[in-house]
Each structure stands twice: as structure tokens, then as C-alpha cells.
Amino acid sequence: MTPADLASIYRQYIACLNTRDWSNLGRFVHDEVSHNGKRIGLAGYRQMLENDYASIPDLHFNIELLVVEPPYVASRLQFDCSPKARFLEL
């Protein structure tokens, strides 16, 4: 896979999140995904995202910096959003 191909897939993943296209989330996230060292599976990952969007209705993932060197992807995401209440203890 070329760097351009991998970058395109990552951008599609971010677009999937921003459009809340949960039916296509499995194109980008493995069925046995882990988050912070805990296996939550695709269903758990989707639930986590749905909860985030419920807590932060204007949540939008903005790619500020994207570095791709297959098989690695590094990204700095920028957020400008307003949680309805406390979020992540903030």
C-alpha cells in the first residue's frame, strides 16, 4: 500500500466519523478493536463514539497534521466543540 493510499483510507475513516456513518465503521475498525488496552470490539467502539456525539453534539474531527509511512499513520486531530456537560472529567 502506498502512502497516498493509506492517507486516503485514513481520511475516509475520519469522514465516516464526521458523518456518523456507523454502518460503514467496520470498513475501518477491526471487529476485535481495543481502546486504551481494553478489547471493546466494533460494537463497543461504535457505542463509545455514539456516546461521545451524544455528549458533544457539534463534535467534528479535523485533521491538522497527517504523516503516513506504511504501515504507520500518525495524526494530530484538532477539536473545536462544546460538550453539553462534563466530558472526560473536564
N, C-alpha and C. Protein backbone atom coordinates (compact mmCIF):
# COMPACT_ATOMS: atom_id res chain seq x y z
N MET A 1 0.85 -1.18 0.00
CA MET A 1 0.00 0.00 0.00
C MET A 1 0.90 1.24 0.00
N THR A 2 0.57 2.17 -0.85
CA THR A 2 1.36 3.39 -0.94
C THR A 2 0.97 4.37 0.17
N PRO A 3 1.83 5.33 0.47
CA PRO A 3 1.47 6.35 1.45
C PRO A 3 0.18 7.09 1.05
N ALA A 4 0.02 7.38 -0.24
CA ALA A 4 -1.19 8.08 -0.69
C ALA A 4 -2.43 7.24 -0.47
N ASP A 5 -2.33 5.91 -0.72
CA ASP A 5 -3.47 5.02 -0.50
C ASP A 5 -3.85 4.99 0.98
N LEU A 6 -2.84 4.84 1.84
CA LEU A 6 -3.11 4.77 3.28
C LEU A 6 -3.66 6.09 3.80
N ALA A 7 -3.16 7.20 3.32
CA ALA A 7 -3.68 8.51 3.72
C ALA A 7 -5.13 8.66 3.29
N SER A 8 -5.45 8.18 2.11
CA SER A 8 -6.83 8.25 1.61
C SER A 8 -7.77 7.43 2.50
N ILE A 9 -7.33 6.25 2.88
CA ILE A 9 -8.16 5.41 3.76
C ILE A 9 -8.37 6.10 5.10
N TYR A 10 -7.32 6.70 5.64
CA TYR A 10 -7.45 7.39 6.92
C TYR A 10 -8.43 8.57 6.81
N ARG A 11 -8.33 9.31 5.73
CA ARG A 11 -9.26 10.43 5.52
C ARG A 11 -10.70 9.94 5.38
N GLN A 12 -10.87 8.79 4.74
CA GLN A 12 -12.21 8.20 4.63
C GLN A 12 -12.74 7.79 6.01
N TYR A 13 -11.86 7.27 6.86
CA TYR A 13 -12.23 6.91 8.23
C TYR A 13 -12.70 8.15 9.00
N ILE A 14 -11.95 9.23 8.91
CA ILE A 14 -12.34 10.46 9.59
C ILE A 14 -13.66 10.98 9.03
N ALA A 15 -13.85 10.90 7.72
CA ALA A 15 -15.13 11.31 7.11
C ALA A 15 -16.27 10.44 7.63
N CYS A 16 -16.01 9.15 7.81
CA CYS A 16 -17.01 8.23 8.36
C CYS A 16 -17.42 8.68 9.76
N LEU A 17 -16.44 9.07 10.57
CA LEU A 17 -16.75 9.56 11.91
C LEU A 17 -17.56 10.86 11.86
N ASN A 18 -17.13 11.78 11.01
CA ASN A 18 -17.78 13.09 10.95
C ASN A 18 -19.19 13.03 10.41
N THR A 19 -19.47 12.06 9.55
CA THR A 19 -20.83 11.93 9.02
C THR A 19 -21.66 10.95 9.84
N ARG A 20 -21.01 10.37 10.86
CA ARG A 20 -21.67 9.40 11.74
C ARG A 20 -22.25 8.24 10.93
N ASP A 21 -21.47 7.79 9.99
CA ASP A 21 -21.87 6.70 9.09
C ASP A 21 -21.53 5.37 9.75
N TRP A 22 -22.23 5.06 10.83
CA TRP A 22 -21.89 3.90 11.64
C TRP A 22 -21.98 2.58 10.86
N SER A 23 -22.82 2.51 9.85
CA SER A 23 -22.95 1.27 9.08
C SER A 23 -21.67 0.94 8.32
N ASN A 24 -20.80 1.92 8.06
CA ASN A 24 -19.54 1.69 7.37
C ASN A 24 -18.33 1.69 8.29
N LEU A 25 -18.54 1.83 9.58
CA LEU A 25 -17.43 1.89 10.53
C LEU A 25 -16.56 0.63 10.45
N GLY A 26 -17.17 -0.51 10.20
CA GLY A 26 -16.44 -1.77 10.10
C GLY A 26 -15.46 -1.82 8.93
N ARG A 27 -15.57 -0.91 7.98
CA ARG A 27 -14.59 -0.83 6.89
C ARG A 27 -13.24 -0.34 7.41
N PHE A 28 -13.26 0.34 8.55
CA PHE A 28 -12.06 0.98 9.07
C PHE A 28 -11.62 0.46 10.43
N VAL A 29 -12.50 -0.20 11.14
CA VAL A 29 -12.22 -0.63 12.51
C VAL A 29 -12.40 -2.15 12.59
N HIS A 30 -11.42 -2.84 13.12
CA HIS A 30 -11.45 -4.30 13.24
C HIS A 30 -12.52 -4.74 14.24
N ASP A 31 -13.09 -5.91 14.00
CA ASP A 31 -14.12 -6.46 14.90
C ASP A 31 -13.63 -6.62 16.33
N GLU A 32 -12.32 -6.80 16.50
CA GLU A 32 -11.76 -7.04 17.83
C GLU A 32 -10.92 -5.85 18.31
N VAL A 33 -11.33 -4.65 17.95
CA VAL A 33 -10.58 -3.44 18.29
C VAL A 33 -10.43 -3.30 19.81
N SER A 34 -9.28 -2.75 20.20
CA SER A 34 -9.01 -2.42 21.60
C SER A 34 -8.91 -0.91 21.73
N HIS A 35 -9.29 -0.40 22.89
CA HIS A 35 -9.20 1.03 23.18
C HIS A 35 -8.54 1.17 24.54
N ASN A 36 -7.43 1.87 24.59
CA ASN A 36 -6.67 2.04 25.83
C ASN A 36 -6.38 0.70 26.51
N GLY A 37 -5.99 -0.30 25.70
CA GLY A 37 -5.60 -1.59 26.22
C GLY A 37 -6.73 -2.54 26.57
N LYS A 38 -7.97 -2.13 26.34
CA LYS A 38 -9.13 -2.97 26.67
C LYS A 38 -9.85 -3.33 25.37
N ARG A 39 -10.06 -4.63 25.15
CA ARG A 39 -10.78 -5.06 23.95
C ARG A 39 -12.25 -4.68 24.12
N ILE A 40 -12.75 -3.87 23.18
CA ILE A 40 -14.15 -3.45 23.25
C ILE A 40 -14.93 -3.90 22.02
N GLY A 41 -14.22 -4.36 21.00
CA GLY A 41 -14.89 -4.83 19.79
C GLY A 41 -15.51 -3.67 19.01
N LEU A 42 -15.91 -3.98 17.80
CA LEU A 42 -16.50 -2.97 16.94
C LEU A 42 -17.76 -2.38 17.55
N ALA A 43 -18.60 -3.22 18.15
CA ALA A 43 -19.85 -2.72 18.76
C ALA A 43 -19.54 -1.76 19.91
N GLY A 44 -18.54 -2.08 20.71
CA GLY A 44 -18.17 -1.21 21.82
C GLY A 44 -17.56 0.09 21.34
N TYR A 45 -16.79 0.02 20.26
CA TYR A 45 -16.18 1.22 19.68
C TYR A 45 -17.27 2.14 19.14
N ARG A 46 -18.23 1.54 18.45
CA ARG A 46 -19.35 2.33 17.92
C ARG A 46 -20.13 2.98 19.07
N GLN A 47 -20.39 2.21 20.12
CA GLN A 47 -21.12 2.75 21.27
C GLN A 47 -20.35 3.91 21.91
N MET A 48 -19.02 3.77 22.00
CA MET A 48 -18.20 4.84 22.55
C MET A 48 -18.36 6.11 21.71
N LEU A 49 -18.30 5.97 20.38
CA LEU A 49 -18.45 7.13 19.50
C LEU A 49 -19.85 7.73 19.60
N GLU A 50 -20.85 6.88 19.64
CA GLU A 50 -22.23 7.39 19.77
C GLU A 50 -22.39 8.16 21.07
N ASN A 51 -21.80 7.66 22.14
CA ASN A 51 -21.86 8.37 23.42
C ASN A 51 -21.13 9.71 23.34
N ASP A 52 -19.97 9.72 22.67
CA ASP A 52 -19.23 10.97 22.51
C ASP A 52 -20.07 12.00 21.76
N TYR A 53 -20.71 11.57 20.68
CA TYR A 53 -21.53 12.50 19.90
C TYR A 53 -22.78 12.94 20.67
N ALA A 54 -23.31 12.07 21.51
CA ALA A 54 -24.46 12.46 22.34
C ALA A 54 -24.03 13.52 23.36
N SER A 55 -22.81 13.37 23.89
CA SER A 55 -22.28 14.33 24.87
C SER A 55 -21.78 15.61 24.23
N ILE A 56 -21.37 15.50 22.97
CA ILE A 56 -20.80 16.65 22.25
C ILE A 56 -21.46 16.72 20.87
N PRO A 57 -22.64 17.30 20.77
CA PRO A 57 -23.38 17.30 19.50
C PRO A 57 -22.63 17.93 18.33
N ASP A 58 -21.75 18.89 18.59
CA ASP A 58 -21.03 19.54 17.49
C ASP A 58 -19.63 18.96 17.28
N LEU A 59 -19.40 17.74 17.78
CA LEU A 59 -18.09 17.10 17.63
C LEU A 59 -17.76 16.91 16.15
N HIS A 60 -16.55 17.32 15.79
CA HIS A 60 -16.07 17.18 14.41
C HIS A 60 -14.57 16.94 14.48
N PHE A 61 -14.11 15.91 13.80
CA PHE A 61 -12.69 15.56 13.76
C PHE A 61 -12.03 16.31 12.61
N ASN A 62 -11.07 17.16 12.93
CA ASN A 62 -10.34 17.93 11.92
C ASN A 62 -8.89 17.46 11.90
N ILE A 63 -8.44 17.00 10.74
CA ILE A 63 -7.05 16.57 10.62
C ILE A 63 -6.18 17.82 10.49
N GLU A 64 -5.37 18.05 11.50
CA GLU A 64 -4.45 19.19 11.47
C GLU A 64 -3.12 18.79 10.84
N LEU A 65 -2.70 17.56 11.11
CA LEU A 65 -1.44 17.06 10.59
C LEU A 65 -1.60 15.56 10.35
N LEU A 66 -1.14 15.10 9.19
CA LEU A 66 -1.21 13.68 8.86
C LEU A 66 0.13 13.25 8.29
N VAL A 67 0.74 12.26 8.93
CA VAL A 67 2.01 11.70 8.48
C VAL A 67 1.78 10.22 8.23
N VAL A 68 2.13 9.78 7.02
CA VAL A 68 1.90 8.40 6.65
C VAL A 68 3.19 7.79 6.15
N GLU A 69 3.58 6.70 6.79
CA GLU A 69 4.73 5.92 6.36
C GLU A 69 4.34 4.45 6.59
N PRO A 70 3.73 3.83 5.55
CA PRO A 70 3.18 2.48 5.73
C PRO A 70 4.16 1.55 6.44
N PRO A 71 3.64 0.81 7.42
CA PRO A 71 2.24 0.64 7.76
C PRO A 71 1.74 1.60 8.84
N TYR A 72 2.46 2.68 9.09
CA TYR A 72 2.12 3.59 10.19
C TYR A 72 1.39 4.84 9.70
N VAL A 73 0.48 5.30 10.57
CA VAL A 73 -0.23 6.55 10.35
C VAL A 73 -0.16 7.33 11.65
N ALA A 74 0.21 8.59 11.57
CA ALA A 74 0.21 9.46 12.74
C ALA A 74 -0.61 10.69 12.39
N SER A 75 -1.45 11.11 13.31
CA SER A 75 -2.31 12.25 13.02
C SER A 75 -2.48 13.11 14.25
N ARG A 76 -2.51 14.40 14.03
CA ARG A 76 -2.89 15.35 15.07
C ARG A 76 -4.28 15.83 14.70
N LEU A 77 -5.21 15.57 15.59
CA LEU A 77 -6.59 15.98 15.35
C LEU A 77 -6.88 17.23 16.16
N GLN A 78 -7.61 18.13 15.56
CA GLN A 78 -7.99 19.38 16.24
C GLN A 78 -9.50 19.35 16.48
N PHE A 79 -9.88 19.80 17.66
CA PHE A 79 -11.29 19.84 18.02
C PHE A 79 -11.65 21.25 18.48
N ASP A 80 -12.78 21.73 18.02
CA ASP A 80 -13.36 22.99 18.49
C ASP A 80 -14.84 22.68 18.69
N CYS A 81 -15.17 22.24 19.89
CA CYS A 81 -16.52 21.76 20.14
C CYS A 81 -16.95 22.12 21.56
N SER A 82 -18.22 21.90 21.82
CA SER A 82 -18.80 22.30 23.11
C SER A 82 -19.58 21.15 23.72
N PRO A 83 -18.97 20.42 24.67
CA PRO A 83 -19.72 19.37 25.35
C PRO A 83 -20.93 19.96 26.09
N LYS A 84 -21.99 19.16 26.18
CA LYS A 84 -23.20 19.61 26.87
C LYS A 84 -22.99 19.71 28.37
N ALA A 85 -22.07 18.89 28.89
CA ALA A 85 -21.79 18.85 30.32
C ALA A 85 -20.35 18.38 30.49
N ARG A 86 -19.99 17.91 31.68
CA ARG A 86 -18.64 17.41 31.92
C ARG A 86 -18.35 16.29 30.92
N PHE A 87 -17.12 16.29 30.40
CA PHE A 87 -16.71 15.24 29.47
C PHE A 87 -15.27 14.89 29.79
N LEU A 88 -14.98 13.60 29.98
CA LEU A 88 -13.66 13.14 30.36
C LEU A 88 -13.14 13.88 31.59
N GLU A 89 -14.04 14.07 32.53
CA GLU A 89 -13.72 14.73 33.79
C GLU A 89 -13.32 16.18 33.64
N LEU A 90 -13.66 16.78 32.52
CA LEU A 90 -13.38 18.20 32.30
C LEU A 90 -14.69 18.97 32.19
